[in-house]
């Protein structure tokens, strides 16, 4: 059986131009698809939001600063290093400052705010204020329930007054005499005194 084949030979020019146009259109379509994949248009999507954030400014000292202590928040305790002192021994006196409130507070605990008073009976014998030199201001923060102590210093067993700062001061009585130490910090006074004996 014979097979009928399409004739082979030169085609009209219109056929060639049509084939070239089809190939060219296909090539352009491929290029457009590639470009769309690589450079995907954003359309009307909103611009991406900048997700970076600026860290909040650190709190200033003033923001973190505790409020000033009220007298009701502060408890003072008079302190001596011993309960009795032999001849030639000077009592070492100091105070303990405690915040009895629920929140931290600040207070001036400098030497200018401190006062130590020694009395016997109803008579005052000595005050640290009488001849104080170079008082200082020192603001401290008191945490609730955490006592702070001042630096102990010696009382020289003498009477004091503002008139005896540059001369000799008379010694107080000993021989088992009882004395009481009261401490103050600004307007706050210790509720209890500390008793000690001089021999």
N, C-alpha and C. Protein backbone atom coordinates (compact mmCIF):
# COMPACT_ATOMS: atom_id res chain seq x y z
N UNK A 1 0.87 -1.18 0.00
CA UNK A 1 0.00 0.00 0.00
C UNK A 1 0.89 1.21 0.00
N UNK A 2 0.62 2.09 -0.87
CA UNK A 2 1.42 3.29 -0.97
C UNK A 2 0.96 4.30 0.05
N UNK A 3 1.93 5.09 0.54
CA UNK A 3 1.63 6.13 1.53
C UNK A 3 1.67 7.46 0.84
N UNK A 4 0.68 8.27 1.13
CA UNK A 4 0.62 9.60 0.52
C UNK A 4 1.33 10.56 1.47
N UNK A 5 2.35 11.23 1.00
CA UNK A 5 3.08 12.18 1.80
C UNK A 5 2.81 13.59 1.32
N UNK A 6 2.95 14.55 2.32
CA UNK A 6 2.85 15.95 1.93
C UNK A 6 4.03 16.30 1.06
N UNK A 7 3.81 17.06 0.13
CA UNK A 7 4.91 17.41 -0.75
C UNK A 7 5.99 18.20 0.01
N UNK A 8 7.22 17.88 -0.26
CA UNK A 8 8.36 18.58 0.37
C UNK A 8 8.96 19.48 -0.66
N UNK A 9 9.26 20.74 -0.21
CA UNK A 9 9.85 21.69 -1.11
C UNK A 9 9.70 23.09 -0.57
N UNK A 10 10.14 24.07 -1.23
CA UNK A 10 10.06 25.46 -0.76
C UNK A 10 8.63 25.86 -0.46
N UNK A 11 8.46 26.60 0.68
CA UNK A 11 7.14 27.10 1.08
C UNK A 11 7.06 28.57 0.71
N UNK A 12 5.82 29.06 0.69
CA UNK A 12 5.67 30.49 0.38
C UNK A 12 6.25 31.34 1.50
N UNK A 13 6.77 32.56 1.20
CA UNK A 13 7.37 33.45 2.22
C UNK A 13 6.42 33.75 3.36
N UNK A 14 5.14 33.81 3.16
CA UNK A 14 4.19 34.12 4.24
C UNK A 14 4.24 33.07 5.33
N UNK A 15 4.50 31.80 4.92
CA UNK A 15 4.57 30.72 5.92
C UNK A 15 5.76 30.93 6.83
N UNK A 16 6.91 31.29 6.25
CA UNK A 16 8.12 31.52 7.05
C UNK A 16 7.92 32.68 8.02
N UNK A 17 7.32 33.77 7.56
CA UNK A 17 7.10 34.94 8.44
C UNK A 17 6.15 34.61 9.58
N UNK A 18 5.14 33.77 9.26
CA UNK A 18 4.19 33.39 10.30
C UNK A 18 4.89 32.55 11.36
N UNK A 19 5.76 31.61 10.93
CA UNK A 19 6.48 30.76 11.89
C UNK A 19 7.42 31.61 12.76
N UNK A 20 8.10 32.55 12.10
CA UNK A 20 9.02 33.42 12.86
C UNK A 20 8.26 34.26 13.88
N UNK A 21 7.09 34.73 13.51
CA UNK A 21 6.29 35.56 14.42
C UNK A 21 5.84 34.74 15.62
N UNK A 22 5.45 33.48 15.36
CA UNK A 22 5.02 32.61 16.47
C UNK A 22 6.18 32.35 17.43
N UNK A 23 7.36 32.05 16.86
CA UNK A 23 8.55 31.81 17.70
C UNK A 23 8.90 33.06 18.50
N UNK A 24 8.84 34.22 17.83
CA UNK A 24 9.18 35.48 18.50
C UNK A 24 8.21 35.78 19.63
N UNK A 25 6.90 35.56 19.38
CA UNK A 25 5.89 35.80 20.42
C UNK A 25 6.13 34.87 21.61
N UNK A 26 6.43 33.60 21.31
CA UNK A 26 6.70 32.64 22.39
C UNK A 26 7.91 33.05 23.21
N UNK A 27 8.97 33.52 22.51
CA UNK A 27 10.19 33.96 23.20
C UNK A 27 9.91 35.15 24.10
N UNK A 28 9.14 36.11 23.58
CA UNK A 28 8.79 37.29 24.37
C UNK A 28 7.97 36.88 25.60
N UNK A 29 7.05 35.93 25.39
CA UNK A 29 6.22 35.47 26.51
C UNK A 29 7.07 34.84 27.60
N UNK A 30 8.06 34.03 27.21
CA UNK A 30 8.96 33.39 28.18
C UNK A 30 9.74 34.45 28.96
N UNK A 31 10.27 35.45 28.22
CA UNK A 31 11.04 36.53 28.87
C UNK A 31 10.17 37.29 29.87
N UNK A 32 8.91 37.58 29.45
CA UNK A 32 7.99 38.32 30.35
C UNK A 32 7.72 37.50 31.61
N UNK A 33 7.50 36.18 31.46
CA UNK A 33 7.25 35.32 32.62
C UNK A 33 8.44 35.32 33.57
N UNK A 34 9.64 35.23 32.98
CA UNK A 34 10.86 35.23 33.82
C UNK A 34 10.98 36.55 34.58
N UNK A 35 10.73 37.65 33.85
CA UNK A 35 10.82 38.96 34.50
C UNK A 35 9.78 39.10 35.61
N UNK A 36 8.57 38.56 35.40
CA UNK A 36 7.54 38.64 36.43
C UNK A 36 7.93 37.84 37.67
N UNK A 37 8.60 36.72 37.45
CA UNK A 37 9.04 35.91 38.59
C UNK A 37 10.14 36.62 39.38
N UNK A 38 11.12 37.16 38.64
CA UNK A 38 12.27 37.80 39.30
C UNK A 38 11.88 39.13 39.92
N UNK A 39 11.19 39.94 39.16
CA UNK A 39 10.79 41.28 39.64
C UNK A 39 9.29 41.30 39.86
N UNK A 40 8.85 40.62 40.91
CA UNK A 40 7.44 40.51 41.18
C UNK A 40 6.88 41.88 41.55
N UNK A 41 5.91 42.36 40.89
CA UNK A 41 5.37 43.69 41.21
C UNK A 41 4.65 43.67 42.55
N UNK A 42 4.77 44.80 43.31
CA UNK A 42 4.14 44.91 44.62
C UNK A 42 2.67 45.24 44.53
N UNK A 43 2.25 45.69 43.39
CA UNK A 43 0.85 46.06 43.24
C UNK A 43 0.50 47.21 44.17
N UNK A 44 -0.67 47.14 44.76
CA UNK A 44 -1.13 48.19 45.66
C UNK A 44 -0.91 47.84 47.13
N UNK A 45 -0.05 46.80 47.37
CA UNK A 45 0.21 46.45 48.76
C UNK A 45 0.86 47.62 49.47
N UNK A 46 0.48 47.87 50.72
CA UNK A 46 1.12 48.97 51.45
C UNK A 46 2.58 48.68 51.69
N UNK A 47 3.33 49.74 51.85
CA UNK A 47 4.76 49.58 52.10
C UNK A 47 4.95 48.83 53.41
N UNK A 48 5.96 47.97 53.46
CA UNK A 48 6.17 47.21 54.69
C UNK A 48 6.46 48.14 55.85
N UNK A 49 5.88 47.77 56.96
CA UNK A 49 6.07 48.59 58.15
C UNK A 49 7.44 48.31 58.74
N UNK A 50 8.11 49.36 59.14
CA UNK A 50 9.40 49.20 59.79
C UNK A 50 9.18 48.62 61.18
N UNK A 51 9.61 47.39 61.36
CA UNK A 51 9.35 46.71 62.62
C UNK A 51 10.40 47.01 63.67
N UNK A 52 11.46 47.71 63.28
CA UNK A 52 12.47 48.03 64.28
C UNK A 52 11.90 49.04 65.26
N UNK A 53 12.23 48.86 66.53
CA UNK A 53 11.75 49.78 67.55
C UNK A 53 12.91 50.42 68.26
N UNK A 54 12.68 51.61 68.70
CA UNK A 54 13.70 52.31 69.48
C UNK A 54 13.53 51.92 70.92
N UNK A 55 14.60 51.45 71.56
CA UNK A 55 14.45 51.04 72.96
C UNK A 55 14.04 52.22 73.81
N UNK A 56 13.22 51.98 74.82
CA UNK A 56 12.80 53.09 75.67
C UNK A 56 13.98 53.71 76.37
N UNK A 57 13.91 55.01 76.53
CA UNK A 57 14.98 55.70 77.23
C UNK A 57 15.09 55.16 78.64
N UNK A 58 16.32 55.02 79.09
CA UNK A 58 16.51 54.52 80.44
C UNK A 58 15.96 55.51 81.44
N UNK A 59 15.46 54.99 82.55
CA UNK A 59 14.89 55.85 83.57
C UNK A 59 15.96 56.74 84.15
N UNK A 60 15.62 57.97 84.38
CA UNK A 60 16.58 58.89 84.97
C UNK A 60 16.69 58.62 86.45
N UNK A 61 17.72 59.17 87.03
CA UNK A 61 17.91 59.00 88.48
C UNK A 61 16.72 59.54 89.25
N UNK A 62 16.17 60.66 88.75
CA UNK A 62 15.04 61.24 89.45
C UNK A 62 13.84 60.31 89.44
N UNK A 63 13.65 59.56 88.30
CA UNK A 63 12.52 58.65 88.22
C UNK A 63 12.68 57.49 89.21
N UNK A 64 13.92 57.03 89.39
CA UNK A 64 14.18 55.88 90.25
C UNK A 64 14.38 56.28 91.71
N UNK A 65 14.53 57.54 91.97
CA UNK A 65 14.86 57.99 93.31
C UNK A 65 13.70 57.73 94.26
N UNK A 66 14.03 57.15 95.42
CA UNK A 66 13.00 56.90 96.41
C UNK A 66 12.55 58.21 97.04
N UNK A 67 11.35 58.19 97.58
CA UNK A 67 10.82 59.38 98.24
C UNK A 67 11.56 59.63 99.54
N UNK A 68 11.48 60.86 100.01
CA UNK A 68 12.12 61.21 101.28
C UNK A 68 11.43 60.47 102.42
N UNK A 69 12.23 60.05 103.39
CA UNK A 69 11.68 59.36 104.55
C UNK A 69 10.84 60.31 105.39
N UNK A 70 9.77 59.81 105.93
CA UNK A 70 9.00 60.55 106.91
C UNK A 70 9.44 60.07 108.30
N UNK A 71 9.24 60.89 109.32
CA UNK A 71 9.63 60.46 110.67
C UNK A 71 9.00 59.13 111.08
N UNK A 72 7.79 58.86 110.58
CA UNK A 72 7.12 57.61 110.94
C UNK A 72 7.79 56.38 110.32
N UNK A 73 8.57 56.59 109.25
CA UNK A 73 9.23 55.47 108.58
C UNK A 73 10.56 55.10 109.20
N UNK A 74 11.12 55.96 110.05
CA UNK A 74 12.49 55.77 110.51
C UNK A 74 12.53 55.51 112.01
N UNK A 75 13.28 54.48 112.39
CA UNK A 75 13.50 54.16 113.80
C UNK A 75 14.98 54.29 114.10
N UNK A 76 15.31 55.01 115.17
CA UNK A 76 16.70 55.20 115.58
C UNK A 76 16.97 54.41 116.85
N UNK A 77 18.17 53.85 116.93
CA UNK A 77 18.59 53.15 118.15
C UNK A 77 19.95 53.69 118.58
N UNK A 78 20.06 54.09 119.84
CA UNK A 78 21.34 54.54 120.39
C UNK A 78 22.20 53.30 120.69
N UNK A 79 23.49 53.39 120.37
CA UNK A 79 24.37 52.23 120.50
C UNK A 79 25.65 52.64 121.22
N UNK A 80 26.08 51.81 122.17
CA UNK A 80 27.42 51.91 122.77
C UNK A 80 28.09 50.56 122.62
N UNK A 81 29.41 50.55 122.59
CA UNK A 81 30.12 49.29 122.36
C UNK A 81 30.14 48.39 123.60
N UNK A 82 29.86 48.97 124.77
CA UNK A 82 29.85 48.19 126.01
C UNK A 82 28.78 48.74 126.94
N UNK A 83 28.50 48.00 127.98
CA UNK A 83 27.53 48.46 128.97
C UNK A 83 28.17 49.16 130.15
N UNK A 84 29.47 48.96 130.32
CA UNK A 84 30.18 49.59 131.42
C UNK A 84 31.63 49.83 131.04
N UNK A 85 32.23 50.89 131.58
CA UNK A 85 33.59 51.29 131.20
C UNK A 85 34.42 51.55 132.44
N UNK A 86 35.56 50.91 132.49
CA UNK A 86 36.50 51.13 133.57
C UNK A 86 37.21 52.47 133.39
N UNK A 87 37.91 52.88 134.41
CA UNK A 87 38.66 54.14 134.34
C UNK A 87 39.63 54.08 133.16
N UNK A 88 39.68 55.14 132.39
CA UNK A 88 40.57 55.20 131.23
C UNK A 88 39.93 54.70 129.95
N UNK A 89 38.75 54.11 130.03
CA UNK A 89 38.04 53.64 128.83
C UNK A 89 37.00 54.67 128.41
N UNK A 90 37.03 55.05 127.15
CA UNK A 90 36.04 55.99 126.62
C UNK A 90 34.93 55.22 125.90
N UNK A 91 33.67 55.53 126.18
CA UNK A 91 32.58 54.88 125.47
C UNK A 91 32.61 55.22 123.96
N UNK A 92 32.37 54.21 123.14
CA UNK A 92 32.23 54.40 121.70
C UNK A 92 30.74 54.47 121.41
N UNK A 93 30.31 55.61 120.84
CA UNK A 93 28.87 55.81 120.61
C UNK A 93 28.58 55.84 119.11
N UNK A 94 27.38 55.41 118.76
CA UNK A 94 26.93 55.42 117.36
C UNK A 94 25.42 55.28 117.37
N UNK A 95 24.83 55.23 116.18
CA UNK A 95 23.39 55.01 116.08
C UNK A 95 23.09 54.05 114.93
N UNK A 96 21.98 53.37 115.07
CA UNK A 96 21.47 52.49 114.01
C UNK A 96 20.20 53.11 113.47
N UNK A 97 20.12 53.18 112.13
CA UNK A 97 18.97 53.80 111.45
C UNK A 97 18.25 52.70 110.67
N UNK A 98 16.96 52.54 110.92
CA UNK A 98 16.20 51.48 110.26
C UNK A 98 14.92 52.04 109.64
N UNK A 99 14.68 51.64 108.40
CA UNK A 99 13.43 51.98 107.73
C UNK A 99 12.39 50.94 108.14
N UNK A 100 11.39 51.38 108.91
CA UNK A 100 10.35 50.46 109.36
C UNK A 100 9.11 50.54 108.48
N UNK A 101 9.22 51.27 107.36
CA UNK A 101 8.12 51.37 106.42
C UNK A 101 8.13 50.22 105.43
N UNK A 102 7.27 50.32 104.42
CA UNK A 102 7.13 49.25 103.43
C UNK A 102 7.89 49.53 102.14
N UNK A 103 8.36 50.76 101.95
CA UNK A 103 9.04 51.12 100.70
C UNK A 103 10.36 51.82 101.00
N UNK A 104 11.32 51.75 100.07
CA UNK A 104 12.58 52.47 100.28
C UNK A 104 12.34 53.97 100.42
N UNK A 105 13.22 54.62 101.15
CA UNK A 105 13.14 56.07 101.28
C UNK A 105 14.54 56.63 101.47
N UNK A 106 14.69 57.91 101.23
CA UNK A 106 16.00 58.54 101.35
C UNK A 106 16.00 59.51 102.51
N UNK A 107 17.19 59.66 103.12
CA UNK A 107 17.33 60.55 104.27
C UNK A 107 18.76 61.07 104.34
N UNK A 108 18.92 62.27 104.86
CA UNK A 108 20.25 62.82 105.09
C UNK A 108 20.77 62.22 106.39
N UNK A 109 21.81 61.39 106.26
CA UNK A 109 22.41 60.75 107.44
C UNK A 109 23.82 61.27 107.68
N UNK A 110 24.13 62.44 107.15
CA UNK A 110 25.45 63.02 107.34
C UNK A 110 25.67 63.47 108.77
N UNK A 111 26.91 63.82 109.08
CA UNK A 111 27.23 64.23 110.45
C UNK A 111 26.49 65.49 110.86
N UNK A 112 26.12 66.31 109.88
CA UNK A 112 25.37 67.52 110.20
C UNK A 112 23.97 67.23 110.70
N UNK A 113 23.42 66.07 110.33
CA UNK A 113 22.07 65.69 110.76
C UNK A 113 22.09 64.87 112.04
N UNK A 114 23.25 64.32 112.40
CA UNK A 114 23.35 63.46 113.57
C UNK A 114 23.56 64.29 114.85
N UNK A 115 22.98 63.81 115.93
CA UNK A 115 23.26 64.39 117.24
C UNK A 115 23.26 63.29 118.28
N UNK A 116 24.25 63.35 119.17
CA UNK A 116 24.40 62.38 120.26
C UNK A 116 24.34 63.17 121.57
N UNK A 117 23.44 62.77 122.43
CA UNK A 117 23.24 63.49 123.69
C UNK A 117 23.43 62.51 124.84
N UNK A 118 24.26 62.91 125.80
CA UNK A 118 24.50 62.07 126.97
C UNK A 118 23.99 62.81 128.21
N UNK A 119 23.15 62.12 128.96
CA UNK A 119 22.53 62.72 130.14
C UNK A 119 22.59 61.73 131.30
N UNK A 120 22.39 62.27 132.47
CA UNK A 120 22.26 61.43 133.67
C UNK A 120 21.10 62.00 134.46
N UNK A 121 20.09 61.19 134.67
CA UNK A 121 18.87 61.70 135.27
C UNK A 121 18.23 62.69 134.32
N UNK A 122 17.88 63.84 134.82
CA UNK A 122 17.27 64.88 133.99
C UNK A 122 18.28 65.89 133.47
N UNK A 123 19.55 65.70 133.80
CA UNK A 123 20.58 66.67 133.42
C UNK A 123 21.34 66.22 132.18
N UNK A 124 21.42 67.10 131.20
CA UNK A 124 22.22 66.83 130.00
C UNK A 124 23.67 67.21 130.27
N UNK A 125 24.58 66.28 129.96
CA UNK A 125 26.00 66.52 130.22
C UNK A 125 26.78 66.85 128.94
N UNK A 126 26.36 66.25 127.85
CA UNK A 126 27.19 66.40 126.64
C UNK A 126 26.32 66.29 125.40
N UNK A 127 26.65 67.07 124.37
CA UNK A 127 25.99 66.98 123.06
C UNK A 127 27.04 67.10 121.97
N UNK A 128 26.92 66.26 120.95
CA UNK A 128 27.87 66.33 119.83
C UNK A 128 27.72 67.62 119.03
N UNK A 129 26.61 68.30 119.17
CA UNK A 129 26.38 69.53 118.42
C UNK A 129 27.14 70.72 119.01
N UNK A 130 27.49 70.64 120.29
CA UNK A 130 28.08 71.80 120.96
C UNK A 130 29.35 72.29 120.26
N UNK A 131 30.20 71.38 119.89
CA UNK A 131 31.48 71.78 119.30
C UNK A 131 31.76 71.04 117.99
N UNK A 132 30.71 70.76 117.24
CA UNK A 132 30.86 70.01 115.99
C UNK A 132 31.62 70.83 114.95
N UNK A 133 32.54 70.18 114.25
CA UNK A 133 33.32 70.85 113.21
C UNK A 133 33.09 70.14 111.88
N UNK A 134 33.01 70.93 110.81
CA UNK A 134 32.88 70.40 109.44
C UNK A 134 31.73 69.40 109.28
N UNK A 135 30.51 69.80 109.61
CA UNK A 135 29.37 68.89 109.41
C UNK A 135 29.18 68.57 107.93
N UNK A 136 28.74 67.37 107.65
CA UNK A 136 28.55 66.93 106.27
C UNK A 136 27.09 66.55 106.03
N UNK A 137 26.69 66.56 104.75
CA UNK A 137 25.40 66.04 104.33
C UNK A 137 25.65 64.77 103.52
N UNK A 138 24.97 63.71 103.87
CA UNK A 138 25.13 62.44 103.15
C UNK A 138 23.76 61.81 102.98
N UNK A 139 23.23 61.85 101.76
CA UNK A 139 21.93 61.24 101.50
C UNK A 139 22.09 59.75 101.28
N UNK A 140 21.32 58.98 102.01
CA UNK A 140 21.36 57.52 101.87
C UNK A 140 19.96 57.01 101.60
N UNK A 141 19.89 55.87 100.93
CA UNK A 141 18.62 55.20 100.69
C UNK A 141 18.47 54.07 101.70
N UNK A 142 17.37 54.10 102.41
CA UNK A 142 17.09 53.06 103.41
C UNK A 142 16.11 52.05 102.82
N UNK A 143 16.57 50.82 102.72
CA UNK A 143 15.68 49.74 102.29
C UNK A 143 14.87 49.26 103.50
N UNK A 144 13.63 48.87 103.29
CA UNK A 144 12.80 48.42 104.41
C UNK A 144 13.44 47.29 105.20
N UNK A 145 13.53 47.48 106.51
CA UNK A 145 14.03 46.43 107.39
C UNK A 145 15.53 46.21 107.36
N UNK A 146 16.28 47.04 106.66
CA UNK A 146 17.74 46.87 106.58
C UNK A 146 18.40 48.00 107.36
N UNK A 147 18.90 47.74 108.57
CA UNK A 147 19.48 48.81 109.38
C UNK A 147 20.83 49.28 108.84
N UNK A 148 21.08 50.57 109.00
CA UNK A 148 22.38 51.15 108.67
C UNK A 148 22.96 51.76 109.94
N UNK A 149 24.26 51.58 110.14
CA UNK A 149 24.92 52.09 111.34
C UNK A 149 25.89 53.20 111.00
N UNK A 150 25.97 54.18 111.88
CA UNK A 150 26.94 55.26 111.70
C UNK A 150 28.29 54.79 112.25
N UNK A 151 29.33 55.53 111.91
CA UNK A 151 30.67 55.18 112.40
C UNK A 151 30.80 55.53 113.88
N UNK A 152 31.20 54.57 114.70
CA UNK A 152 31.35 54.86 116.13
C UNK A 152 32.48 55.86 116.38
N UNK A 153 32.31 56.66 117.41
CA UNK A 153 33.38 57.57 117.84
C UNK A 153 33.37 57.64 119.36
N UNK A 154 34.47 58.13 119.91
CA UNK A 154 34.65 58.11 121.36
C UNK A 154 34.11 59.37 122.02
N UNK A 155 33.42 59.16 123.13
CA UNK A 155 33.07 60.28 124.01
C UNK A 155 34.13 60.35 125.10
N UNK A 156 34.69 61.51 125.31
CA UNK A 156 35.85 61.64 126.20
C UNK A 156 35.48 61.86 127.67
N UNK A 157 34.25 61.54 128.04
CA UNK A 157 33.81 61.62 129.44
C UNK A 157 33.81 63.05 129.99
N UNK A 158 33.58 64.02 129.15
CA UNK A 158 33.57 65.40 129.62
C UNK A 158 32.21 66.04 129.41
N UNK A 159 31.99 67.11 130.13
CA UNK A 159 30.82 67.95 129.89
C UNK A 159 31.08 68.80 128.66
N UNK A 160 30.04 69.17 127.96
CA UNK A 160 30.22 70.04 126.80
C UNK A 160 29.27 71.22 126.87
N UNK A 161 29.70 72.29 126.22
CA UNK A 161 28.85 73.46 125.99
C UNK A 161 29.49 74.23 124.87
N UNK A 162 28.76 75.14 124.29
CA UNK A 162 29.33 75.94 123.19
C UNK A 162 30.42 76.87 123.68
N UNK A 163 30.57 77.03 124.99
CA UNK A 163 31.60 77.92 125.54
C UNK A 163 32.90 77.19 125.86
N UNK A 164 32.91 75.86 125.70
CA UNK A 164 34.11 75.11 126.11
C UNK A 164 34.78 74.40 124.93
N UNK A 165 34.55 74.89 123.73
CA UNK A 165 35.07 74.19 122.54
C UNK A 165 36.58 74.35 122.37
N UNK A 166 37.14 75.43 122.87
CA UNK A 166 38.57 75.67 122.65
C UNK A 166 39.40 75.49 123.92
N UNK A 167 38.78 75.16 125.02
CA UNK A 167 39.53 74.98 126.26
C UNK A 167 39.28 73.63 126.88
N UNK A 168 39.81 73.45 128.07
CA UNK A 168 39.60 72.21 128.80
C UNK A 168 38.15 72.13 129.28
N UNK A 169 37.61 70.93 129.23
CA UNK A 169 36.23 70.73 129.68
C UNK A 169 36.25 69.83 130.91
N UNK A 170 35.39 70.08 131.84
CA UNK A 170 35.41 69.29 133.09
C UNK A 170 34.97 67.85 132.85
N UNK A 171 35.58 66.94 133.55
CA UNK A 171 35.22 65.53 133.44
C UNK A 171 33.94 65.26 134.21
N UNK A 172 33.18 64.30 133.74
CA UNK A 172 31.95 63.91 134.44
C UNK A 172 32.28 62.93 135.56
N UNK A 173 31.34 62.71 136.43
CA UNK A 173 31.54 61.78 137.54
C UNK A 173 31.59 60.34 137.05
N UNK A 174 32.35 59.52 137.73
CA UNK A 174 32.43 58.09 137.41
C UNK A 174 32.05 57.30 138.65
N UNK A 175 32.84 56.27 138.98
CA UNK A 175 32.55 55.50 140.19
C UNK A 175 31.26 54.72 140.12
N UNK A 176 30.87 54.29 138.92
CA UNK A 176 29.63 53.53 138.75
C UNK A 176 28.44 54.39 138.41
N UNK A 177 28.70 55.66 138.01
CA UNK A 177 27.61 56.56 137.64
C UNK A 177 26.92 56.06 136.37
N UNK A 178 25.61 56.23 136.33
CA UNK A 178 24.81 55.78 135.19
C UNK A 178 24.53 56.94 134.24
N UNK A 179 24.72 56.66 132.96
CA UNK A 179 24.46 57.67 131.92
C UNK A 179 23.58 57.05 130.85
N UNK A 180 22.91 57.92 130.11
CA UNK A 180 22.01 57.48 129.05
C UNK A 180 22.35 58.22 127.76
N UNK A 181 22.43 57.47 126.67
CA UNK A 181 22.69 58.04 125.35
C UNK A 181 21.39 58.13 124.56
N UNK A 182 21.11 59.32 124.05
CA UNK A 182 19.99 59.54 123.14
C UNK A 182 20.56 59.99 121.80
N UNK A 183 19.98 59.53 120.71
CA UNK A 183 20.47 59.93 119.38
C UNK A 183 19.36 60.60 118.60
N UNK A 184 19.76 61.51 117.74
CA UNK A 184 18.82 62.22 116.86
C UNK A 184 19.37 62.22 115.44
N UNK A 185 18.45 62.24 114.49
CA UNK A 185 18.80 62.38 113.08
C UNK A 185 17.80 63.37 112.48
N UNK A 186 18.25 64.58 112.28
CA UNK A 186 17.33 65.62 111.86
C UNK A 186 16.28 65.84 112.94
N UNK A 187 15.01 65.71 112.55
CA UNK A 187 13.91 65.91 113.50
C UNK A 187 13.48 64.61 114.19
N UNK A 188 14.20 63.52 113.93
CA UNK A 188 13.82 62.22 114.48
C UNK A 188 14.68 61.92 115.71
N UNK A 189 14.06 61.47 116.76
CA UNK A 189 14.75 61.15 118.01
C UNK A 189 14.51 59.69 118.37
N UNK A 190 15.53 59.04 118.90
CA UNK A 190 15.38 57.65 119.33
C UNK A 190 14.35 57.58 120.45
N UNK A 191 13.49 56.58 120.39
CA UNK A 191 12.45 56.43 121.42
C UNK A 191 13.04 55.97 122.74
N UNK A 192 14.06 55.12 122.66
CA UNK A 192 14.68 54.59 123.88
C UNK A 192 16.11 55.11 123.98
N UNK A 193 16.60 55.22 125.20
CA UNK A 193 17.99 55.60 125.44
C UNK A 193 18.82 54.35 125.66
N UNK A 194 20.13 54.49 125.54
CA UNK A 194 21.03 53.36 125.84
C UNK A 194 21.77 53.70 127.13
N UNK A 195 21.58 52.87 128.14
CA UNK A 195 22.22 53.11 129.42
C UNK A 195 23.61 52.47 129.46
N UNK A 196 24.54 53.15 130.12
CA UNK A 196 25.88 52.60 130.34
C UNK A 196 26.43 53.18 131.64
N UNK A 197 27.44 52.53 132.18
CA UNK A 197 28.02 52.93 133.45
C UNK A 197 29.47 53.33 133.27
N UNK A 198 29.89 54.33 134.03
CA UNK A 198 31.29 54.75 134.06
C UNK A 198 31.89 54.44 135.44
N UNK A 199 33.05 53.79 135.41
CA UNK A 199 33.75 53.47 136.66
C UNK A 199 35.06 54.25 136.74
